[in-house]
């Protein structure tokens, strides 16, 4: 595969991996928040899977797992993990603006540091 094709495929799968992770965790959080404290009974947790938001979250996290596995099949772990860490940044924005959570200044500063790290790693290629 040509280097430009590999970069395009890597970018596409990186975006799919990040977005499915953020959307999946956001949907899962929304569903579990709506359910409230269900305890830690295996039966209650299994029953929670049938809540629409929880089910959507789980489905999206399955998609995340598949795209993450595919990405790791051709790109170095030392590239994939830092570059997909941008998901932490997107997750914080989703938590703040979609779920209405408060995000402290210390967390925003940490997010800024993550963004700087992702930027540095993105300057390298997906392999060595």
C-alpha atoms as a PDB file:
ATOM      1  CA  UNK A   1       0.000   0.000   0.000  1.00  0.00           C
ATOM      2  CA  UNK A   2       1.287   3.458  -0.866  1.00  0.00           C
ATOM      3  CA  UNK A   3       2.229   5.796   1.973  1.00  0.00           C
ATOM      4  CA  UNK A   4      -0.478   8.318   1.004  1.00  0.00           C
ATOM      5  CA  UNK A   5      -3.134   5.579   0.965  1.00  0.00           C
ATOM      6  CA  UNK A   6      -1.946   4.345   4.351  1.00  0.00           C
ATOM      7  CA  UNK A   7      -2.127   7.859   5.807  1.00  0.00           C
ATOM      8  CA  UNK A   8      -5.662   8.355   4.422  1.00  0.00           C
ATOM      9  CA  UNK A   9      -6.827   4.995   5.783  1.00  0.00           C
ATOM     10  CA  UNK A  10      -5.193   5.745   9.122  1.00  0.00           C
ATOM     11  CA  UNK A  11      -6.869   9.152   9.348  1.00  0.00           C
ATOM     12  CA  UNK A  12     -10.280   7.665   8.498  1.00  0.00           C
ATOM     13  CA  UNK A  13      -9.987   4.892  11.081  1.00  0.00           C
ATOM     14  CA  UNK A  14      -8.622   7.310  13.672  1.00  0.00           C
ATOM     15  CA  UNK A  15     -11.674   9.546  13.223  1.00  0.00           C
ATOM     16  CA  UNK A  16     -14.030   6.535  13.372  1.00  0.00           C
ATOM     17  CA  UNK A  17     -12.264   5.233  16.474  1.00  0.00           C
ATOM     18  CA  UNK A  18     -12.394   8.557  18.288  1.00  0.00           C
ATOM     19  CA  UNK A  19     -15.977   9.409  17.349  1.00  0.00           C
ATOM     20  CA  UNK A  20     -17.365   5.961  18.180  1.00  0.00           C
ATOM     21  CA  UNK A  21     -15.575   6.081  21.552  1.00  0.00           C
ATOM     22  CA  UNK A  22     -16.863   9.546  22.435  1.00  0.00           C
ATOM     23  CA  UNK A  23     -20.404   8.877  21.202  1.00  0.00           C
ATOM     24  CA  UNK A  24     -20.512   5.452  22.831  1.00  0.00           C
ATOM     25  CA  UNK A  25     -19.336   6.669  26.222  1.00  0.00           C
ATOM     26  CA  UNK A  26     -21.646   9.695  26.050  1.00  0.00           C
ATOM     27  CA  UNK A  27     -24.682   7.553  25.213  1.00  0.00           C
ATOM     28  CA  UNK A  28     -23.751   5.040  27.909  1.00  0.00           C
ATOM     29  CA  UNK A  29     -23.415   7.839  30.472  1.00  0.00           C
ATOM     30  CA  UNK A  30     -26.743   9.387  29.448  1.00  0.00           C
ATOM     31  CA  UNK A  31     -28.510   6.040  29.760  1.00  0.00           C
ATOM     32  CA  UNK A  32     -26.939   5.102  33.082  1.00  0.00           C
ATOM     33  CA  UNK A  33     -27.690   8.563  34.483  1.00  0.00           C
ATOM     34  CA  UNK A  34     -31.326   8.165  33.476  1.00  0.00           C
ATOM     35  CA  UNK A  35     -31.434   4.763  35.171  1.00  0.00           C
ATOM     36  CA  UNK A  36     -29.851   6.074  38.360  1.00  0.00           C
ATOM     37  CA  UNK A  37     -27.946   3.947  40.846  1.00  0.00           C
ATOM     38  CA  UNK A  38     -28.710   0.371  39.874  1.00  0.00           C
ATOM     39  CA  UNK A  39     -26.172  -1.130  42.236  1.00  0.00           C
ATOM     40  CA  UNK A  40     -23.714  -3.754  41.151  1.00  0.00           C
ATOM     41  CA  UNK A  41     -25.970  -6.763  40.756  1.00  0.00           C
ATOM     42  CA  UNK A  42     -25.154  -8.643  37.547  1.00  0.00           C
ATOM     43  CA  UNK A  43     -28.894  -8.943  36.857  1.00  0.00           C
ATOM     44  CA  UNK A  44     -29.436  -5.184  37.179  1.00  0.00           C
ATOM     45  CA  UNK A  45     -26.465  -4.503  34.916  1.00  0.00           C
ATOM     46  CA  UNK A  46     -27.749  -6.935  32.297  1.00  0.00           C
ATOM     47  CA  UNK A  47     -31.229  -5.382  32.530  1.00  0.00           C
ATOM     48  CA  UNK A  48     -29.641  -1.950  31.986  1.00  0.00           C
ATOM     49  CA  UNK A  49     -28.413  -3.146  28.572  1.00  0.00           C
ATOM     50  CA  UNK A  50     -32.010  -2.925  27.373  1.00  0.00           C
ATOM     51  CA  UNK A  51     -32.293   0.811  28.069  1.00  0.00           C
ATOM     52  CA  UNK A  52     -32.153   2.498  24.630  1.00  0.00           C
ATOM     53  CA  UNK A  53     -29.281   4.883  25.455  1.00  0.00           C
ATOM     54  CA  UNK A  54     -27.268   2.151  27.140  1.00  0.00           C
ATOM     55  CA  UNK A  55     -27.829  -0.211  24.195  1.00  0.00           C
ATOM     56  CA  UNK A  56     -26.743   2.517  21.757  1.00  0.00           C
ATOM     57  CA  UNK A  57     -23.662   3.215  23.857  1.00  0.00           C
ATOM     58  CA  UNK A  58     -22.700  -0.451  23.947  1.00  0.00           C
ATOM     59  CA  UNK A  59     -23.201  -0.789  20.171  1.00  0.00           C
ATOM     60  CA  UNK A  60     -21.008   2.252  19.520  1.00  0.00           C
ATOM     61  CA  UNK A  61     -18.348   0.917  21.878  1.00  0.00           C
ATOM     62  CA  UNK A  62     -18.375  -2.364  19.942  1.00  0.00           C
ATOM     63  CA  UNK A  63     -17.780  -0.304  16.784  1.00  0.00           C
ATOM     64  CA  UNK A  64     -14.962   1.470  18.655  1.00  0.00           C
ATOM     65  CA  UNK A  65     -13.368  -1.866  19.515  1.00  0.00           C
ATOM     66  CA  UNK A  66     -13.527  -3.061  15.905  1.00  0.00           C
ATOM     67  CA  UNK A  67     -12.087   0.148  14.428  1.00  0.00           C
ATOM     68  CA  UNK A  68      -9.413   0.272  17.132  1.00  0.00           C
ATOM     69  CA  UNK A  69      -8.409  -3.318  16.389  1.00  0.00           C
ATOM     70  CA  UNK A  70      -8.217  -2.562  12.669  1.00  0.00           C
ATOM     71  CA  UNK A  71      -6.121   0.541  13.281  1.00  0.00           C
ATOM     72  CA  UNK A  72      -3.718  -1.420  15.463  1.00  0.00           C
ATOM     73  CA  UNK A  73      -3.333  -4.049  12.741  1.00  0.00           C
ATOM     74  CA  UNK A  74      -1.240  -1.678  10.605  1.00  0.00           C
ATOM     75  CA  UNK A  75      -0.211   1.270  12.768  1.00  0.00           C
ATOM     76  CA  UNK A  76       2.206   1.298  15.693  1.00  0.00           C
ATOM     77  CA  UNK A  77       0.763   1.250  19.201  1.00  0.00           C
ATOM     78  CA  UNK A  78       3.067   4.165  20.057  1.00  0.00           C
ATOM     79  CA  UNK A  79       1.230   6.171  17.380  1.00  0.00           C
ATOM     80  CA  UNK A  80      -2.344   4.894  17.824  1.00  0.00           C
ATOM     81  CA  UNK A  81      -2.705   5.393  21.564  1.00  0.00           C
ATOM     82  CA  UNK A  82      -1.481   9.001  21.718  1.00  0.00           C
ATOM     83  CA  UNK A  83      -3.288  10.067  18.534  1.00  0.00           C
ATOM     84  CA  UNK A  84      -6.606   8.578  19.679  1.00  0.00           C
ATOM     85  CA  UNK A  85      -6.134  10.354  23.017  1.00  0.00           C
ATOM     86  CA  UNK A  86      -7.740  13.349  21.302  1.00  0.00           C
ATOM     87  CA  UNK A  87     -10.903  11.466  22.242  1.00  0.00           C
ATOM     88  CA  UNK A  88     -10.356  12.625  25.836  1.00  0.00           C
ATOM     89  CA  UNK A  89     -10.559  16.197  24.605  1.00  0.00           C
ATOM     90  CA  UNK A  90     -13.689  15.582  22.546  1.00  0.00           C
ATOM     91  CA  UNK A  91     -15.213  13.653  25.463  1.00  0.00           C
ATOM     92  CA  UNK A  92     -14.717  16.618  27.784  1.00  0.00           C
ATOM     93  CA  UNK A  93     -16.506  18.906  25.329  1.00  0.00           C
ATOM     94  CA  UNK A  94     -19.314  16.353  24.915  1.00  0.00           C
ATOM     95  CA  UNK A  95     -19.635  16.015  28.688  1.00  0.00           C
ATOM     96  CA  UNK A  96     -19.774  19.773  29.116  1.00  0.00           C
ATOM     97  CA  UNK A  97     -22.006  20.770  26.224  1.00  0.00           C
ATOM     98  CA  UNK A  98     -24.135  17.673  25.571  1.00  0.00           C
ATOM     99  CA  UNK A  99     -24.472  16.184  29.047  1.00  0.00           C
ATOM    100  CA  UNK A 100     -24.300  19.446  31.009  1.00  0.00           C
ATOM    101  CA  UNK A 101     -21.440  18.349  33.266  1.00  0.00           C
ATOM    102  CA  UNK A 102     -19.194  20.887  34.936  1.00  0.00           C
ATOM    103  CA  UNK A 103     -15.555  20.648  33.872  1.00  0.00           C
ATOM    104  CA  UNK A 104     -13.118  22.249  36.309  1.00  0.00           C
ATOM    105  CA  UNK A 105     -10.273  24.556  35.231  1.00  0.00           C
ATOM    106  CA  UNK A 106      -7.767  21.874  36.292  1.00  0.00           C
ATOM    107  CA  UNK A 107      -9.416  19.405  33.902  1.00  0.00           C
ATOM    108  CA  UNK A 108      -9.364  21.959  31.066  1.00  0.00           C
ATOM    109  CA  UNK A 109      -5.647  22.462  31.715  1.00  0.00           C
ATOM    110  CA  UNK A 110      -5.087  18.705  31.552  1.00  0.00           C
ATOM    111  CA  UNK A 111      -7.044  18.633  28.293  1.00  0.00           C
ATOM    112  CA  UNK A 112      -4.757  21.344  26.937  1.00  0.00           C
ATOM    113  CA  UNK A 113      -1.735  19.184  27.810  1.00  0.00           C
ATOM    114  CA  UNK A 114      -3.304  16.160  26.087  1.00  0.00           C
ATOM    115  CA  UNK A 115      -3.945  18.278  22.997  1.00  0.00           C
ATOM    116  CA  UNK A 116      -0.297  19.351  22.942  1.00  0.00           C
ATOM    117  CA  UNK A 117       0.816  15.714  23.172  1.00  0.00           C
ATOM    118  CA  UNK A 118      -1.537  14.604  20.411  1.00  0.00           C
ATOM    119  CA  UNK A 119      -0.259  17.428  18.223  1.00  0.00           C
ATOM    120  CA  UNK A 120       3.340  16.302  18.717  1.00  0.00           C
ATOM    121  CA  UNK A 121       2.548  12.658  17.959  1.00  0.00           C
ATOM    122  CA  UNK A 122       0.466  13.568  14.890  1.00  0.00           C
ATOM    123  CA  UNK A 123       3.610  15.062  13.319  1.00  0.00           C
ATOM    124  CA  UNK A 124       4.975  11.513  12.990  1.00  0.00           C
ATOM    125  CA  UNK A 125       3.737   8.783  10.679  1.00  0.00           C
ATOM    126  CA  UNK A 126       1.641   5.782  11.701  1.00  0.00           C
ATOM    127  CA  UNK A 127       4.729   3.547  11.575  1.00  0.00           C
ATOM    128  CA  UNK A 128       8.098   4.011  13.271  1.00  0.00           C
END
